[in-house]
Amino acid sequence: MRDNVLWRKQSRIIMLLADTLKISPERALDLYYTTKVYEHMSDPKSGLQLMSDDYILEDLITELRAIP
């Protein structure tokens, strides 16, 4: 996936996270960069980039809820 396309996809997911959790986009960005979802999104071999934004958001929220 081209870098600019991936960047836009990640931006959409971060904004969806902010809206869903009712937090600022800056806080959502901070949370996003601490997750395995971010690591998988950065790895083209994972294939996560090809999933829908809603699927990735669900995966992201599930991961965040598991953090103690």
Protein backbone atom coordinates (compact mmCIF):
# COMPACT_ATOMS: atom_id res chain seq x y z
CA MET A 1 0.00 0.00 0.00
CA ARG A 2 1.38 3.38 -0.90
CA ASP A 3 2.54 5.51 2.00
CA ASN A 4 0.08 8.34 1.35
CA VAL A 5 -2.85 5.93 1.14
CA LEU A 6 -1.78 4.23 4.38
CA TRP A 7 -1.34 7.62 6.05
CA ARG A 8 -4.90 8.63 5.10
CA LYS A 9 -6.28 5.28 6.30
CA GLN A 10 -4.52 5.66 9.65
CA SER A 11 -5.83 9.22 9.94
CA ARG A 12 -9.41 8.03 9.38
CA ILE A 13 -9.00 5.31 12.00
CA ILE A 14 -7.57 7.76 14.54
CA MET A 15 -10.47 10.16 13.97
CA LEU A 16 -12.96 7.29 14.30
CA LEU A 17 -11.26 6.29 17.56
CA ALA A 18 -11.51 9.85 18.87
CA ASP A 19 -15.21 10.04 17.96
CA THR A 20 -16.00 6.62 19.40
CA LEU A 21 -14.20 7.17 22.70
CA LYS A 22 -15.18 10.87 22.90
CA ILE A 23 -11.56 11.94 23.28
CA SER A 24 -9.42 14.49 21.48
CA PRO A 25 -7.74 13.51 18.21
CA GLU A 26 -4.38 14.14 19.90
CA ARG A 27 -5.19 11.65 22.67
CA ALA A 28 -6.44 9.13 20.09
CA LEU A 29 -3.17 9.55 18.20
CA ASP A 30 -1.17 8.91 21.36
CA LEU A 31 -3.20 5.77 22.10
CA TYR A 32 -2.95 4.50 18.53
CA TYR A 33 0.84 4.68 18.43
CA THR A 34 1.13 2.48 21.55
CA THR A 35 -0.82 -0.47 20.12
CA LYS A 36 -0.08 -3.68 18.26
CA VAL A 37 -2.62 -2.51 15.68
CA TYR A 38 -0.25 0.31 14.79
CA GLU A 39 2.62 -2.16 14.47
CA HIS A 40 0.55 -4.39 12.20
CA MET A 41 -0.63 -1.43 10.12
CA SER A 42 3.01 -0.46 9.61
CA ASP A 43 3.91 -3.97 8.42
CA PRO A 44 2.72 -4.59 4.84
CA LYS A 45 3.05 -8.34 5.38
CA SER A 46 0.31 -8.34 8.04
CA GLY A 47 -2.45 -7.47 5.58
CA LEU A 48 -4.31 -5.45 8.21
CA GLN A 49 -4.14 -2.40 5.95
CA LEU A 50 -6.52 -4.16 3.57
CA MET A 51 -9.28 -4.51 6.15
CA SER A 52 -12.09 -2.01 6.52
CA ASP A 53 -11.70 0.99 8.79
CA ASP A 54 -14.50 -0.32 11.02
CA TYR A 55 -12.82 -3.71 11.39
CA ILE A 56 -9.52 -2.10 12.34
CA LEU A 57 -11.27 0.25 14.77
CA GLU A 58 -12.98 -2.70 16.45
CA ASP A 59 -9.64 -4.51 16.72
CA LEU A 60 -8.04 -1.36 18.13
CA ILE A 61 -10.75 -0.84 20.77
CA THR A 62 -10.53 -4.50 21.77
CA GLU A 63 -6.80 -4.13 22.28
CA LEU A 64 -7.18 -0.92 24.27
CA ARG A 65 -9.78 -2.51 26.56
CA ALA A 66 -7.36 -5.34 27.34
CA ILE A 67 -4.73 -2.93 28.66
CA PRO A 68 -4.81 -2.98 32.49
